[in-house]
Amino acid sequence: MVRFLPVGVIIALEIFCLVDCVIAEESRVRYLPKVVWILLILFTSIVGCIVWLAVGRPVAPGTAWPIGSGFPEPSGRRAPAPDDDPEFLRRMREGNREHEELLRQWEDDLRRRERDLRGDEGEAEPGGPGAPRPEHG
């Protein structure tokens, strides 16, 4: 079974290179016409695939020749990082305030329910709703 592994890898590489060449835009394929690349990949097996991957594949615009990432380079102004964006930081602070208030309401409701379950309605708890809270900040 292991002796068939290299043959499978070569076939997979040839299929990948052939499909990659067929779907590539004719105007962006480098050095040779697309038909010649297809014949090279088909008839020279591993060598044709390696040459296609090394020098024949189209390079994305704005990337360094001959090796490109395959992804277009971002153009224009880049968005600032979240910690450099004052609007994002303001929204986060507002969201935190709303979250803190919601947590306080849940804590107060939980204390009230615990007090009702125990029947301690007349006693004041040290951390009850009327007690001062430490501020987180």
Protein backbone atom coordinates (compact mmCIF):
# COMPACT_ATOMS: atom_id res chain seq x y z
CA MET A 1 0.00 0.00 0.00
CA VAL A 2 2.83 2.39 0.83
CA ARG A 3 4.46 1.84 -2.55
CA PHE A 4 1.42 3.48 -4.24
CA LEU A 5 1.67 6.64 -2.13
CA PRO A 6 4.28 8.41 -4.34
CA VAL A 7 2.23 7.63 -7.45
CA GLY A 8 -0.87 9.08 -5.76
CA VAL A 9 1.02 12.23 -4.76
CA ILE A 10 2.33 12.70 -8.32
CA ILE A 11 -1.15 12.23 -9.81
CA ALA A 12 -2.66 14.68 -7.31
CA LEU A 13 0.07 17.23 -8.10
CA GLU A 14 -0.51 16.86 -11.83
CA ILE A 15 -4.28 17.27 -11.43
CA PHE A 16 -3.78 20.34 -9.24
CA CYS A 17 -1.34 21.97 -11.69
CA LEU A 18 -3.47 21.11 -14.70
CA VAL A 19 -6.64 22.57 -13.16
CA ASP A 20 -4.70 25.59 -11.92
CA CYS A 21 -3.35 26.20 -15.43
CA VAL A 22 -6.71 25.70 -17.13
CA ILE A 23 -8.54 28.18 -14.88
CA ALA A 24 -5.75 30.79 -14.98
CA GLU A 25 -6.40 33.85 -17.14
CA GLU A 26 -4.50 33.62 -20.44
CA SER A 27 -3.21 37.18 -20.11
CA ARG A 28 -1.71 36.54 -16.65
CA VAL A 29 0.09 33.24 -17.38
CA ARG A 30 3.83 33.91 -17.53
CA TYR A 31 6.49 33.08 -20.15
CA LEU A 32 4.63 30.57 -22.35
CA PRO A 33 1.16 30.35 -23.86
CA LYS A 34 -1.35 28.52 -21.74
CA VAL A 35 -1.65 25.64 -24.23
CA VAL A 36 2.10 25.02 -24.02
CA TRP A 37 1.93 24.97 -20.22
CA ILE A 38 -0.89 22.41 -20.33
CA LEU A 39 1.12 20.17 -22.69
CA LEU A 40 4.23 20.60 -20.53
CA ILE A 41 2.32 19.58 -17.39
CA LEU A 42 0.76 16.58 -19.13
CA PHE A 43 3.85 15.18 -20.87
CA THR A 44 6.69 15.95 -18.48
CA SER A 45 4.90 14.93 -15.30
CA ILE A 46 6.73 16.08 -12.18
CA VAL A 47 9.11 18.44 -14.00
CA GLY A 48 6.28 20.23 -15.79
CA CYS A 49 4.36 20.64 -12.52
CA ILE A 50 7.35 22.03 -10.66
CA VAL A 51 8.18 24.46 -13.48
CA TRP A 52 4.52 25.58 -13.64
CA LEU A 53 4.42 26.21 -9.90
CA ALA A 54 7.80 27.97 -9.90
CA VAL A 55 7.54 30.24 -12.93
CA GLY A 56 4.34 29.78 -14.91
CA ARG A 57 1.61 30.59 -12.42
CA PRO A 58 0.10 34.06 -12.56
CA VAL A 59 1.34 36.48 -9.95
CA ALA A 60 -1.17 38.64 -8.13
CA PRO A 61 -0.85 42.35 -8.95
CA GLY A 62 1.30 44.24 -6.48
CA THR A 63 3.23 41.20 -5.23
CA ALA A 64 6.95 40.66 -5.50
CA TRP A 65 8.12 38.69 -8.51
CA PRO A 66 8.42 35.71 -8.93
CA ILE A 67 6.79 34.47 -5.76
CA GLY A 68 3.41 35.88 -4.86
CA SER A 69 0.93 35.05 -2.16
CA GLY A 70 -1.85 34.50 -4.67
CA PHE A 71 -3.98 37.09 -2.90
CA PRO A 72 -4.41 40.66 -4.11
CA GLU A 73 -2.61 43.28 -2.11
CA PRO A 74 -4.83 45.68 -0.15
CA SER A 75 -5.16 49.06 -1.78
CA GLY A 76 -5.99 52.42 -0.31
CA ARG A 77 -6.06 53.38 3.32
CA ARG A 78 -6.00 50.60 5.86
CA ALA A 79 -8.42 50.56 8.77
CA PRO A 80 -6.76 51.41 12.11
CA ALA A 81 -6.20 48.71 14.69
CA PRO A 82 -9.03 48.52 17.24
CA ASP A 83 -6.91 49.97 20.05
CA ASP A 84 -6.03 52.95 17.81
CA ASP A 85 -9.64 53.68 16.80
CA PRO A 86 -11.27 56.17 19.22
CA GLU A 87 -14.77 55.35 17.95
CA PHE A 88 -14.26 51.64 18.63
CA LEU A 89 -12.91 52.36 22.13
CA ARG A 90 -15.90 54.62 22.88
CA ARG A 91 -18.34 51.89 21.80
CA MET A 92 -16.50 49.38 23.97
CA ARG A 93 -16.75 51.65 27.03
CA GLU A 94 -20.47 52.17 26.43
CA GLY A 95 -20.96 48.44 25.96
CA ASN A 96 -19.07 47.76 29.19
CA ARG A 97 -21.26 50.25 31.09
CA GLU A 98 -24.41 48.60 29.77
CA HIS A 99 -23.01 45.18 30.64
CA GLU A 100 -22.08 46.31 34.17
CA GLU A 101 -25.57 47.73 34.73
CA LEU A 102 -27.18 44.50 33.52
CA LEU A 103 -24.96 42.49 35.87
CA ARG A 104 -25.90 44.76 38.79
CA GLN A 105 -29.60 44.25 38.03
CA TRP A 106 -29.12 40.47 37.92
CA GLU A 107 -27.19 40.51 41.21
CA ASP A 108 -29.89 42.61 42.88
CA ASP A 109 -32.59 40.26 41.57
CA LEU A 110 -30.64 37.23 42.79
CA ARG A 111 -30.20 38.74 46.28
CA ARG A 112 -33.91 39.58 46.41
CA ARG A 113 -34.86 36.02 45.45
CA GLU A 114 -32.44 34.53 47.98
CA ARG A 115 -33.84 36.80 50.66
CA ASP A 116 -37.41 35.82 49.74
CA LEU A 117 -36.53 32.11 49.84
CA ARG A 118 -34.94 32.41 53.30
CA GLY A 119 -37.70 34.64 54.63
CA ASP A 120 -35.20 37.35 55.68
CA GLU A 121 -37.26 40.21 54.30
CA GLY A 122 -36.85 42.33 57.42
CA GLU A 123 -33.07 41.94 57.74
CA ALA A 124 -30.60 43.96 55.75
CA GLU A 125 -27.78 42.05 54.14
CA PRO A 126 -24.25 43.41 54.21
CA GLY A 127 -24.06 43.29 50.41
CA GLY A 128 -27.75 43.93 49.74
CA PRO A 129 -29.32 46.33 47.26
CA GLY A 130 -29.00 49.31 49.62
CA ALA A 131 -25.35 48.64 50.46
CA PRO A 132 -22.66 50.67 48.67
CA ARG A 133 -20.87 48.81 45.92
CA PRO A 134 -17.20 48.96 45.10
CA GLU A 135 -16.75 50.47 41.66
CA HIS A 136 -14.82 48.49 39.04
CA GLY A 137 -12.87 50.63 36.75
